[in-house]
């Protein structure tokens, strides 16, 4: 999208330069109108793409009942931390992730989804899991509600659920077992 906008603007500027060499007022007015039309078209295209992304998120349907979660022990998670093929997703509130988190974990605030805004959760997980096929270790506070909201969204998005684990006991259990393996800000 940005490339198209840049190309349209570059074309408009090139036409403006070329018409400026002729010195005719009519050519300058036409170029200005063409440039404005190109900018308007680019803005309309950007708005349409944003609306399309929102529509896609709205098309993802929440499961009728909670998807069963599978758990990974704190010890197993610790042994997989930093390994290729594993992504640790911290789905707690952004400010809690910022305050402290498991080293290497990716913050993906699912508070809105936990509070009932399924589409917000879909948008968050689409960004967090874009181009991923890793085993996901979902980290919430205690391994319950935030993890459940995340599991439901990932299932609805079609993520391979055999690769989705909730950290048993959540961040609370991790900090008890590995207090020295936490990044604090």
C-alpha atoms as a PDB file:
ATOM      1  CA  UNK A   1       0.000   0.000   0.000  1.00  0.00           C
ATOM      2  CA  UNK A   2       2.753   2.439   0.916  1.00  0.00           C
ATOM      3  CA  UNK A   3       4.550   1.544  -2.298  1.00  0.00           C
ATOM      4  CA  UNK A   4       1.450   2.372  -4.330  1.00  0.00           C
ATOM      5  CA  UNK A   5       1.021   5.679  -2.519  1.00  0.00           C
ATOM      6  CA  UNK A   6       4.691   6.491  -3.109  1.00  0.00           C
ATOM      7  CA  UNK A   7       4.423   5.564  -6.772  1.00  0.00           C
ATOM      8  CA  UNK A   8       1.337   7.698  -7.250  1.00  0.00           C
ATOM      9  CA  UNK A   9       2.977  10.660  -5.548  1.00  0.00           C
ATOM     10  CA  UNK A  10       6.184  10.177  -7.534  1.00  0.00           C
ATOM     11  CA  UNK A  11       4.201  10.060 -10.785  1.00  0.00           C
ATOM     12  CA  UNK A  12       2.358  13.212  -9.798  1.00  0.00           C
ATOM     13  CA  UNK A  13       5.604  15.028  -8.962  1.00  0.00           C
ATOM     14  CA  UNK A  14       7.224  13.894 -12.210  1.00  0.00           C
ATOM     15  CA  UNK A  15       4.296  15.240 -14.192  1.00  0.00           C
ATOM     16  CA  UNK A  16       4.493  18.470 -12.220  1.00  0.00           C
ATOM     17  CA  UNK A  17       8.187  18.871 -13.049  1.00  0.00           C
ATOM     18  CA  UNK A  18       7.673  18.104 -16.718  1.00  0.00           C
ATOM     19  CA  UNK A  19       4.753  20.483 -17.055  1.00  0.00           C
ATOM     20  CA  UNK A  20       6.664  23.145 -15.145  1.00  0.00           C
ATOM     21  CA  UNK A  21       9.287  23.181 -17.894  1.00  0.00           C
ATOM     22  CA  UNK A  22       6.688  24.279 -20.469  1.00  0.00           C
ATOM     23  CA  UNK A  23       5.682  27.250 -18.354  1.00  0.00           C
ATOM     24  CA  UNK A  24       1.956  26.900 -19.154  1.00  0.00           C
ATOM     25  CA  UNK A  25      -0.499  27.690 -16.359  1.00  0.00           C
ATOM     26  CA  UNK A  26      -3.014  25.174 -17.710  1.00  0.00           C
ATOM     27  CA  UNK A  27      -0.483  22.336 -17.438  1.00  0.00           C
ATOM     28  CA  UNK A  28       0.323  23.279 -13.827  1.00  0.00           C
ATOM     29  CA  UNK A  29      -3.368  23.304 -12.890  1.00  0.00           C
ATOM     30  CA  UNK A  30      -3.928  19.902 -14.536  1.00  0.00           C
ATOM     31  CA  UNK A  31      -0.932  18.421 -12.713  1.00  0.00           C
ATOM     32  CA  UNK A  32      -2.146  19.773  -9.373  1.00  0.00           C
ATOM     33  CA  UNK A  33      -5.566  18.254 -10.005  1.00  0.00           C
ATOM     34  CA  UNK A  34      -3.999  14.926 -10.994  1.00  0.00           C
ATOM     35  CA  UNK A  35      -1.802  14.931  -7.882  1.00  0.00           C
ATOM     36  CA  UNK A  36      -4.798  15.675  -5.653  1.00  0.00           C
ATOM     37  CA  UNK A  37      -6.781  12.911  -7.360  1.00  0.00           C
ATOM     38  CA  UNK A  38      -3.911  10.463  -6.846  1.00  0.00           C
ATOM     39  CA  UNK A  39      -3.628  11.391  -3.157  1.00  0.00           C
ATOM     40  CA  UNK A  40      -7.393  10.995  -2.684  1.00  0.00           C
ATOM     41  CA  UNK A  41      -7.311   7.589  -4.407  1.00  0.00           C
ATOM     42  CA  UNK A  42      -4.406   6.471  -2.154  1.00  0.00           C
ATOM     43  CA  UNK A  43      -6.294   7.571   0.974  1.00  0.00           C
ATOM     44  CA  UNK A  44      -9.429   5.746  -0.171  1.00  0.00           C
ATOM     45  CA  UNK A  45      -7.410   2.581  -0.830  1.00  0.00           C
ATOM     46  CA  UNK A  46      -5.801   2.743   2.647  1.00  0.00           C
ATOM     47  CA  UNK A  47      -9.207   3.207   4.262  1.00  0.00           C
ATOM     48  CA  UNK A  48     -10.608   0.287   2.268  1.00  0.00           C
ATOM     49  CA  UNK A  49      -7.747  -1.988   3.351  1.00  0.00           C
ATOM     50  CA  UNK A  50      -8.273  -1.036   7.007  1.00  0.00           C
ATOM     51  CA  UNK A  51     -11.963  -1.769   6.695  1.00  0.00           C
ATOM     52  CA  UNK A  52     -11.167  -5.107   5.021  1.00  0.00           C
ATOM     53  CA  UNK A  53      -8.906  -6.104   7.947  1.00  0.00           C
ATOM     54  CA  UNK A  54     -11.651  -5.180  10.421  1.00  0.00           C
ATOM     55  CA  UNK A  55     -14.160  -7.203   8.406  1.00  0.00           C
ATOM     56  CA  UNK A  56     -11.846 -10.235   8.407  1.00  0.00           C
ATOM     57  CA  UNK A  57     -11.525  -9.994  12.200  1.00  0.00           C
ATOM     58  CA  UNK A  58     -15.303  -9.731  12.503  1.00  0.00           C
ATOM     59  CA  UNK A  59     -15.723 -12.815  10.279  1.00  0.00           C
ATOM     60  CA  UNK A  60     -13.805 -15.003  12.759  1.00  0.00           C
ATOM     61  CA  UNK A  61     -16.436 -16.579  14.965  1.00  0.00           C
ATOM     62  CA  UNK A  62     -15.955 -17.244  18.671  1.00  0.00           C
ATOM     63  CA  UNK A  63     -16.288 -20.898  19.639  1.00  0.00           C
ATOM     64  CA  UNK A  64     -19.631 -21.828  21.179  1.00  0.00           C
ATOM     65  CA  UNK A  65     -17.874 -23.170  24.274  1.00  0.00           C
ATOM     66  CA  UNK A  66     -14.378 -22.846  25.696  1.00  0.00           C
ATOM     67  CA  UNK A  67     -11.704 -24.808  23.860  1.00  0.00           C
ATOM     68  CA  UNK A  68      -9.941 -27.295  26.111  1.00  0.00           C
ATOM     69  CA  UNK A  69      -6.496 -26.079  27.112  1.00  0.00           C
ATOM     70  CA  UNK A  70      -3.398 -28.235  27.344  1.00  0.00           C
ATOM     71  CA  UNK A  71      -0.758 -27.333  29.879  1.00  0.00           C
ATOM     72  CA  UNK A  72       3.027 -27.244  30.020  1.00  0.00           C
ATOM     73  CA  UNK A  73       4.722 -27.457  33.384  1.00  0.00           C
ATOM     74  CA  UNK A  74       6.954 -24.644  34.528  1.00  0.00           C
ATOM     75  CA  UNK A  75       9.930 -27.028  34.404  1.00  0.00           C
ATOM     76  CA  UNK A  76       9.193 -28.086  30.803  1.00  0.00           C
ATOM     77  CA  UNK A  77       8.681 -24.477  29.784  1.00  0.00           C
ATOM     78  CA  UNK A  78      11.984 -23.525  31.410  1.00  0.00           C
ATOM     79  CA  UNK A  79      13.780 -26.274  29.476  1.00  0.00           C
ATOM     80  CA  UNK A  80      12.224 -25.028  26.189  1.00  0.00           C
ATOM     81  CA  UNK A  81      12.866 -21.325  26.799  1.00  0.00           C
ATOM     82  CA  UNK A  82      15.019 -19.923  24.003  1.00  0.00           C
ATOM     83  CA  UNK A  83      14.792 -23.048  21.836  1.00  0.00           C
ATOM     84  CA  UNK A  84      13.976 -22.777  18.142  1.00  0.00           C
ATOM     85  CA  UNK A  85      10.373 -23.650  17.415  1.00  0.00           C
ATOM     86  CA  UNK A  86       9.018 -22.204  20.681  1.00  0.00           C
ATOM     87  CA  UNK A  87       7.432 -18.808  21.158  1.00  0.00           C
ATOM     88  CA  UNK A  88       6.410 -17.640  24.615  1.00  0.00           C
ATOM     89  CA  UNK A  89       3.351 -15.357  24.412  1.00  0.00           C
ATOM     90  CA  UNK A  90       2.717 -13.234  27.502  1.00  0.00           C
ATOM     91  CA  UNK A  91      -0.976 -12.376  27.268  1.00  0.00           C
ATOM     92  CA  UNK A  92      -1.220 -10.367  30.492  1.00  0.00           C
ATOM     93  CA  UNK A  93      -1.977  -6.649  30.451  1.00  0.00           C
ATOM     94  CA  UNK A  94       0.677  -4.626  28.613  1.00  0.00           C
ATOM     95  CA  UNK A  95       1.687  -2.694  31.742  1.00  0.00           C
ATOM     96  CA  UNK A  96       2.257  -5.957  33.659  1.00  0.00           C
ATOM     97  CA  UNK A  97       4.347  -7.361  30.811  1.00  0.00           C
ATOM     98  CA  UNK A  98       6.367  -4.139  30.757  1.00  0.00           C
ATOM     99  CA  UNK A  99       6.942  -4.323  34.530  1.00  0.00           C
ATOM    100  CA  UNK A 100       8.245  -7.916  34.412  1.00  0.00           C
ATOM    101  CA  UNK A 101       8.158 -10.909  32.108  1.00  0.00           C
ATOM    102  CA  UNK A 102       9.879 -14.146  31.174  1.00  0.00           C
ATOM    103  CA  UNK A 103      13.008 -13.378  29.113  1.00  0.00           C
ATOM    104  CA  UNK A 104      12.277 -13.591  25.394  1.00  0.00           C
ATOM    105  CA  UNK A 105       8.488 -13.650  25.837  1.00  0.00           C
ATOM    106  CA  UNK A 106       6.438 -11.644  23.353  1.00  0.00           C
ATOM    107  CA  UNK A 107       3.831  -9.321  24.860  1.00  0.00           C
ATOM    108  CA  UNK A 108       0.320  -9.732  23.412  1.00  0.00           C
ATOM    109  CA  UNK A 109      -2.195  -8.018  25.708  1.00  0.00           C
ATOM    110  CA  UNK A 110      -5.425 -10.040  25.702  1.00  0.00           C
ATOM    111  CA  UNK A 111      -7.243  -8.018  28.371  1.00  0.00           C
ATOM    112  CA  UNK A 112      -9.946  -6.874  25.946  1.00  0.00           C
ATOM    113  CA  UNK A 113     -10.600 -10.458  24.807  1.00  0.00           C
ATOM    114  CA  UNK A 114     -10.682 -11.692  28.394  1.00  0.00           C
ATOM    115  CA  UNK A 115     -13.255  -8.979  29.079  1.00  0.00           C
ATOM    116  CA  UNK A 116     -15.462 -10.142  26.195  1.00  0.00           C
ATOM    117  CA  UNK A 117     -14.174  -8.293  23.108  1.00  0.00           C
ATOM    118  CA  UNK A 118     -13.441 -11.351  20.973  1.00  0.00           C
ATOM    119  CA  UNK A 119     -12.613  -9.303  17.840  1.00  0.00           C
ATOM    120  CA  UNK A 120      -9.957  -7.341  19.739  1.00  0.00           C
ATOM    121  CA  UNK A 121      -8.417 -10.668  20.729  1.00  0.00           C
ATOM    122  CA  UNK A 122      -8.514 -11.820  17.115  1.00  0.00           C
ATOM    123  CA  UNK A 123      -6.676  -8.678  16.005  1.00  0.00           C
ATOM    124  CA  UNK A 124      -4.063  -9.079  18.760  1.00  0.00           C
ATOM    125  CA  UNK A 125      -3.406 -12.746  17.967  1.00  0.00           C
ATOM    126  CA  UNK A 126      -3.301 -12.135  14.207  1.00  0.00           C
ATOM    127  CA  UNK A 127      -0.433  -9.723  14.786  1.00  0.00           C
ATOM    128  CA  UNK A 128       1.298 -11.848  17.450  1.00  0.00           C
ATOM    129  CA  UNK A 129       1.204 -15.060  15.416  1.00  0.00           C
ATOM    130  CA  UNK A 130       1.735 -13.644  11.920  1.00  0.00           C
ATOM    131  CA  UNK A 131       4.156 -15.918  10.044  1.00  0.00           C
ATOM    132  CA  UNK A 132       4.476 -18.252  13.072  1.00  0.00           C
ATOM    133  CA  UNK A 133       4.183 -22.003  13.111  1.00  0.00           C
ATOM    134  CA  UNK A 134       5.937 -22.448  16.463  1.00  0.00           C
ATOM    135  CA  UNK A 135       4.776 -24.224  19.560  1.00  0.00           C
ATOM    136  CA  UNK A 136       3.185 -21.469  21.635  1.00  0.00           C
ATOM    137  CA  UNK A 137       3.541 -21.260  25.403  1.00  0.00           C
ATOM    138  CA  UNK A 138       0.763 -18.959  26.617  1.00  0.00           C
ATOM    139  CA  UNK A 139       1.620 -17.058  29.784  1.00  0.00           C
ATOM    140  CA  UNK A 140      -1.079 -15.356  31.801  1.00  0.00           C
ATOM    141  CA  UNK A 141      -1.337 -14.553  35.504  1.00  0.00           C
ATOM    142  CA  UNK A 142      -2.264 -17.991  36.889  1.00  0.00           C
ATOM    143  CA  UNK A 143      -3.016 -20.066  33.773  1.00  0.00           C
ATOM    144  CA  UNK A 144      -6.741 -19.476  33.670  1.00  0.00           C
ATOM    145  CA  UNK A 145      -8.905 -16.706  32.176  1.00  0.00           C
ATOM    146  CA  UNK A 146      -6.432 -14.830  29.949  1.00  0.00           C
ATOM    147  CA  UNK A 147      -5.042 -18.137  28.705  1.00  0.00           C
ATOM    148  CA  UNK A 148      -8.573 -19.410  28.015  1.00  0.00           C
ATOM    149  CA  UNK A 149      -9.453 -16.300  26.010  1.00  0.00           C
ATOM    150  CA  UNK A 150      -6.218 -16.719  24.027  1.00  0.00           C
ATOM    151  CA  UNK A 151      -6.827 -20.429  23.413  1.00  0.00           C
ATOM    152  CA  UNK A 152     -10.343 -19.703  22.149  1.00  0.00           C
ATOM    153  CA  UNK A 153      -9.079 -17.039  19.738  1.00  0.00           C
ATOM    154  CA  UNK A 154      -6.188 -19.162  18.452  1.00  0.00           C
ATOM    155  CA  UNK A 155      -8.575 -22.050  17.829  1.00  0.00           C
ATOM    156  CA  UNK A 156     -10.975 -19.779  15.930  1.00  0.00           C
ATOM    157  CA  UNK A 157      -8.065 -18.488  13.826  1.00  0.00           C
ATOM    158  CA  UNK A 158      -7.177 -22.058  12.875  1.00  0.00           C
ATOM    159  CA  UNK A 159      -3.838 -22.211  14.682  1.00  0.00           C
ATOM    160  CA  UNK A 160      -2.599 -25.804  15.139  1.00  0.00           C
ATOM    161  CA  UNK A 161      -3.934 -26.440  18.655  1.00  0.00           C
ATOM    162  CA  UNK A 162      -1.565 -29.367  19.172  1.00  0.00           C
ATOM    163  CA  UNK A 163       1.103 -26.640  19.392  1.00  0.00           C
ATOM    164  CA  UNK A 164      -0.653 -24.407  21.945  1.00  0.00           C
ATOM    165  CA  UNK A 165       0.175 -24.842  25.635  1.00  0.00           C
ATOM    166  CA  UNK A 166      -0.755 -22.805  28.671  1.00  0.00           C
ATOM    167  CA  UNK A 167       1.983 -22.348  31.246  1.00  0.00           C
ATOM    168  CA  UNK A 168       0.684 -24.300  34.244  1.00  0.00           C
ATOM    169  CA  UNK A 169       0.190 -21.853  37.115  1.00  0.00           C
ATOM    170  CA  UNK A 170       1.012 -18.913  34.833  1.00  0.00           C
ATOM    171  CA  UNK A 171       3.515 -16.168  35.502  1.00  0.00           C
ATOM    172  CA  UNK A 172       2.881 -16.535  39.225  1.00  0.00           C
ATOM    173  CA  UNK A 173       4.188 -20.138  39.195  1.00  0.00           C
ATOM    174  CA  UNK A 174       7.139 -19.133  37.007  1.00  0.00           C
ATOM    175  CA  UNK A 175       8.258 -16.384  39.394  1.00  0.00           C
ATOM    176  CA  UNK A 176       8.015 -18.794  42.341  1.00  0.00           C
ATOM    177  CA  UNK A 177      10.075 -21.479  40.570  1.00  0.00           C
ATOM    178  CA  UNK A 178      12.543 -19.205  38.759  1.00  0.00           C
ATOM    179  CA  UNK A 179      12.673 -15.819  40.526  1.00  0.00           C
ATOM    180  CA  UNK A 180      16.093 -15.114  38.990  1.00  0.00           C
ATOM    181  CA  UNK A 181      14.821 -15.806  35.461  1.00  0.00           C
ATOM    182  CA  UNK A 182      12.477 -12.815  35.162  1.00  0.00           C
ATOM    183  CA  UNK A 183      13.146  -9.538  33.374  1.00  0.00           C
ATOM    184  CA  UNK A 184      12.143  -6.616  35.574  1.00  0.00           C
ATOM    185  CA  UNK A 185      11.910  -3.071  34.291  1.00  0.00           C
END
